[in-house]
C-alpha atoms as a PDB file:
ATOM      1  CA  UNK A   1      10.141   3.048 -25.427  1.00  0.00           C
ATOM      2  CA  UNK A   2      12.751   4.080 -22.893  1.00  0.00           C
ATOM      3  CA  UNK A   3      14.049   1.336 -20.561  1.00  0.00           C
ATOM      4  CA  UNK A   4      14.162   2.308 -16.883  1.00  0.00           C
ATOM      5  CA  UNK A   5      16.039   0.735 -13.981  1.00  0.00           C
ATOM      6  CA  UNK A   6      15.120   1.499 -10.370  1.00  0.00           C
ATOM      7  CA  UNK A   7      17.470   1.249  -7.403  1.00  0.00           C
ATOM      8  CA  UNK A   8      15.492   0.715  -4.224  1.00  0.00           C
ATOM      9  CA  UNK A   9      11.909  -0.302  -3.669  1.00  0.00           C
ATOM     10  CA  UNK A  10      11.267   0.997  -0.162  1.00  0.00           C
ATOM     11  CA  UNK A  11       8.911   3.890   0.499  1.00  0.00           C
ATOM     12  CA  UNK A  12      10.070   6.086  -2.400  1.00  0.00           C
ATOM     13  CA  UNK A  13      10.650   3.255  -4.853  1.00  0.00           C
ATOM     14  CA  UNK A  14       7.259   1.748  -4.020  1.00  0.00           C
ATOM     15  CA  UNK A  15       5.614   5.131  -4.638  1.00  0.00           C
ATOM     16  CA  UNK A  16       7.329   5.363  -8.026  1.00  0.00           C
ATOM     17  CA  UNK A  17       6.184   1.857  -8.940  1.00  0.00           C
ATOM     18  CA  UNK A  18       2.646   2.589  -7.756  1.00  0.00           C
ATOM     19  CA  UNK A  19       2.396   5.753  -9.870  1.00  0.00           C
ATOM     20  CA  UNK A  20       4.101   4.161 -12.878  1.00  0.00           C
ATOM     21  CA  UNK A  21       1.020   3.016 -14.834  1.00  0.00           C
ATOM     22  CA  UNK A  22      -0.715   6.397 -14.583  1.00  0.00           C
ATOM     23  CA  UNK A  23       2.257   8.606 -15.416  1.00  0.00           C
ATOM     24  CA  UNK A  24       4.917   6.658 -17.294  1.00  0.00           C
ATOM     25  CA  UNK A  25       3.521   3.278 -18.245  1.00  0.00           C
ATOM     26  CA  UNK A  26       2.929   3.994 -21.919  1.00  0.00           C
ATOM     27  CA  UNK A  27       6.244   5.772 -22.567  1.00  0.00           C
ATOM     28  CA  UNK A  28       8.672   3.984 -20.260  1.00  0.00           C
ATOM     29  CA  UNK A  29       9.314   0.354 -19.412  1.00  0.00           C
ATOM     30  CA  UNK A  30      10.546  -0.626 -15.946  1.00  0.00           C
ATOM     31  CA  UNK A  31      13.028  -3.371 -16.830  1.00  0.00           C
ATOM     32  CA  UNK A  32      14.863  -3.944 -13.530  1.00  0.00           C
ATOM     33  CA  UNK A  33      14.798  -3.160  -9.829  1.00  0.00           C
ATOM     34  CA  UNK A  34      17.960  -3.415  -7.718  1.00  0.00           C
ATOM     35  CA  UNK A  35      17.381  -4.079  -4.013  1.00  0.00           C
ATOM     36  CA  UNK A  36      19.124  -5.696  -1.066  1.00  0.00           C
ATOM     37  CA  UNK A  37      18.748  -9.517  -0.957  1.00  0.00           C
ATOM     38  CA  UNK A  38      16.205  -9.504   1.859  1.00  0.00           C
ATOM     39  CA  UNK A  39      13.970  -7.096  -0.057  1.00  0.00           C
ATOM     40  CA  UNK A  40      13.548  -9.244  -3.168  1.00  0.00           C
ATOM     41  CA  UNK A  41      10.331 -11.029  -2.071  1.00  0.00           C
ATOM     42  CA  UNK A  42       8.488  -7.800  -1.201  1.00  0.00           C
ATOM     43  CA  UNK A  43       9.807  -5.844  -4.183  1.00  0.00           C
ATOM     44  CA  UNK A  44       8.780  -8.675  -6.516  1.00  0.00           C
ATOM     45  CA  UNK A  45       5.158  -8.268  -5.438  1.00  0.00           C
ATOM     46  CA  UNK A  46       5.230  -4.557  -6.293  1.00  0.00           C
ATOM     47  CA  UNK A  47       6.316  -4.779  -9.937  1.00  0.00           C
ATOM     48  CA  UNK A  48       5.149  -6.422 -13.116  1.00  0.00           C
ATOM     49  CA  UNK A  49       6.260 -10.043 -13.417  1.00  0.00           C
ATOM     50  CA  UNK A  50       8.367  -9.129 -16.486  1.00  0.00           C
ATOM     51  CA  UNK A  51      10.525  -6.764 -14.412  1.00  0.00           C
ATOM     52  CA  UNK A  52      13.750  -8.259 -13.069  1.00  0.00           C
ATOM     53  CA  UNK A  53      14.081  -7.842  -9.299  1.00  0.00           C
ATOM     54  CA  UNK A  54      17.643  -8.554  -8.208  1.00  0.00           C
ATOM     55  CA  UNK A  55      20.328  -7.851  -5.644  1.00  0.00           C
ATOM     56  CA  UNK A  56      23.052  -8.382  -8.263  1.00  0.00           C
ATOM     57  CA  UNK A  57      24.301  -5.128  -9.775  1.00  0.00           C
ATOM     58  CA  UNK A  58      25.703  -6.952 -12.838  1.00  0.00           C
ATOM     59  CA  UNK A  59      22.334  -8.589 -13.582  1.00  0.00           C
ATOM     60  CA  UNK A  60      20.684  -5.183 -13.149  1.00  0.00           C
ATOM     61  CA  UNK A  61      23.138  -3.586 -15.578  1.00  0.00           C
ATOM     62  CA  UNK A  62      22.698  -6.432 -18.078  1.00  0.00           C
ATOM     63  CA  UNK A  63      19.077  -5.338 -18.487  1.00  0.00           C
ATOM     64  CA  UNK A  64      20.572  -2.265 -20.182  1.00  0.00           C
ATOM     65  CA  UNK A  65      18.344   0.466 -18.798  1.00  0.00           C
ATOM     66  CA  UNK A  66      18.530   3.803 -20.595  1.00  0.00           C
ATOM     67  CA  UNK A  67      17.902   5.655 -17.336  1.00  0.00           C
ATOM     68  CA  UNK A  68      18.451   4.622 -13.722  1.00  0.00           C
ATOM     69  CA  UNK A  69      16.336   6.146 -10.961  1.00  0.00           C
ATOM     70  CA  UNK A  70      18.032   5.986  -7.584  1.00  0.00           C
ATOM     71  CA  UNK A  71      15.417   5.820  -4.836  1.00  0.00           C
ATOM     72  CA  UNK A  72      17.437   4.186  -2.094  1.00  0.00           C
ATOM     73  CA  UNK A  73      19.498   7.052  -0.682  1.00  0.00           C
ATOM     74  CA  UNK A  74      23.106   8.184  -0.712  1.00  0.00           C
ATOM     75  CA  UNK A  75      24.475   4.798   0.335  1.00  0.00           C
ATOM     76  CA  UNK A  76      23.128   3.251  -2.867  1.00  0.00           C
ATOM     77  CA  UNK A  77      24.879   5.865  -4.996  1.00  0.00           C
ATOM     78  CA  UNK A  78      28.128   5.135  -3.171  1.00  0.00           C
ATOM     79  CA  UNK A  79      27.662   1.377  -3.480  1.00  0.00           C
ATOM     80  CA  UNK A  80      26.398   1.057  -7.055  1.00  0.00           C
ATOM     81  CA  UNK A  81      27.070   4.324  -8.877  1.00  0.00           C
ATOM     82  CA  UNK A  82      30.615   3.655 -10.064  1.00  0.00           C
ATOM     83  CA  UNK A  83      29.798   0.119 -11.219  1.00  0.00           C
ATOM     84  CA  UNK A  84      26.787   1.280 -13.211  1.00  0.00           C
ATOM     85  CA  UNK A  85      28.730   4.119 -14.798  1.00  0.00           C
ATOM     86  CA  UNK A  86      31.539   1.713 -15.707  1.00  0.00           C
ATOM     87  CA  UNK A  87      28.950  -0.425 -17.477  1.00  0.00           C
ATOM     88  CA  UNK A  88      28.070   2.653 -19.520  1.00  0.00           C
ATOM     89  CA  UNK A  89      24.784   3.349 -17.788  1.00  0.00           C
ATOM     90  CA  UNK A  90      25.691   6.990 -17.908  1.00  0.00           C
ATOM     91  CA  UNK A  91      22.282   8.615 -17.566  1.00  0.00           C
ATOM     92  CA  UNK A  92      21.767   8.141 -13.860  1.00  0.00           C
ATOM     93  CA  UNK A  93      19.230  10.376 -12.153  1.00  0.00           C
ATOM     94  CA  UNK A  94      19.252  10.561  -8.379  1.00  0.00           C
ATOM     95  CA  UNK A  95      16.139  10.991  -6.306  1.00  0.00           C
ATOM     96  CA  UNK A  96      17.096  10.925  -2.667  1.00  0.00           C
ATOM     97  CA  UNK A  97      14.830  10.988   0.358  1.00  0.00           C
ATOM     98  CA  UNK A  98      14.521  14.778   0.126  1.00  0.00           C
ATOM     99  CA  UNK A  99      13.724  14.640  -3.615  1.00  0.00           C
ATOM    100  CA  UNK A 100      16.810  16.356  -4.892  1.00  0.00           C
ATOM    101  CA  UNK A 101      18.332  17.778  -1.711  1.00  0.00           C
END
């Protein structure tokens, strides 16, 4: 099973989480969600209790996702991208607000 990390759990991230069981649940495991500190309580209600919800990029990376889905916008790529790549999370897929624009 492939381990997935998700950056952002706003409108796009929440939609991904909502569709997860129907489309990816049996093949992929959502292991961590990286959000801003103030978003932790809401994001925690959207995911399975086994999924780490954190604002700490190191804790996120320590979950060793195979793939990272960026659903928080360009600022998140700028803020977290280099750190995640340095931690060898090299398969980062970006989904911005325009879905690939």
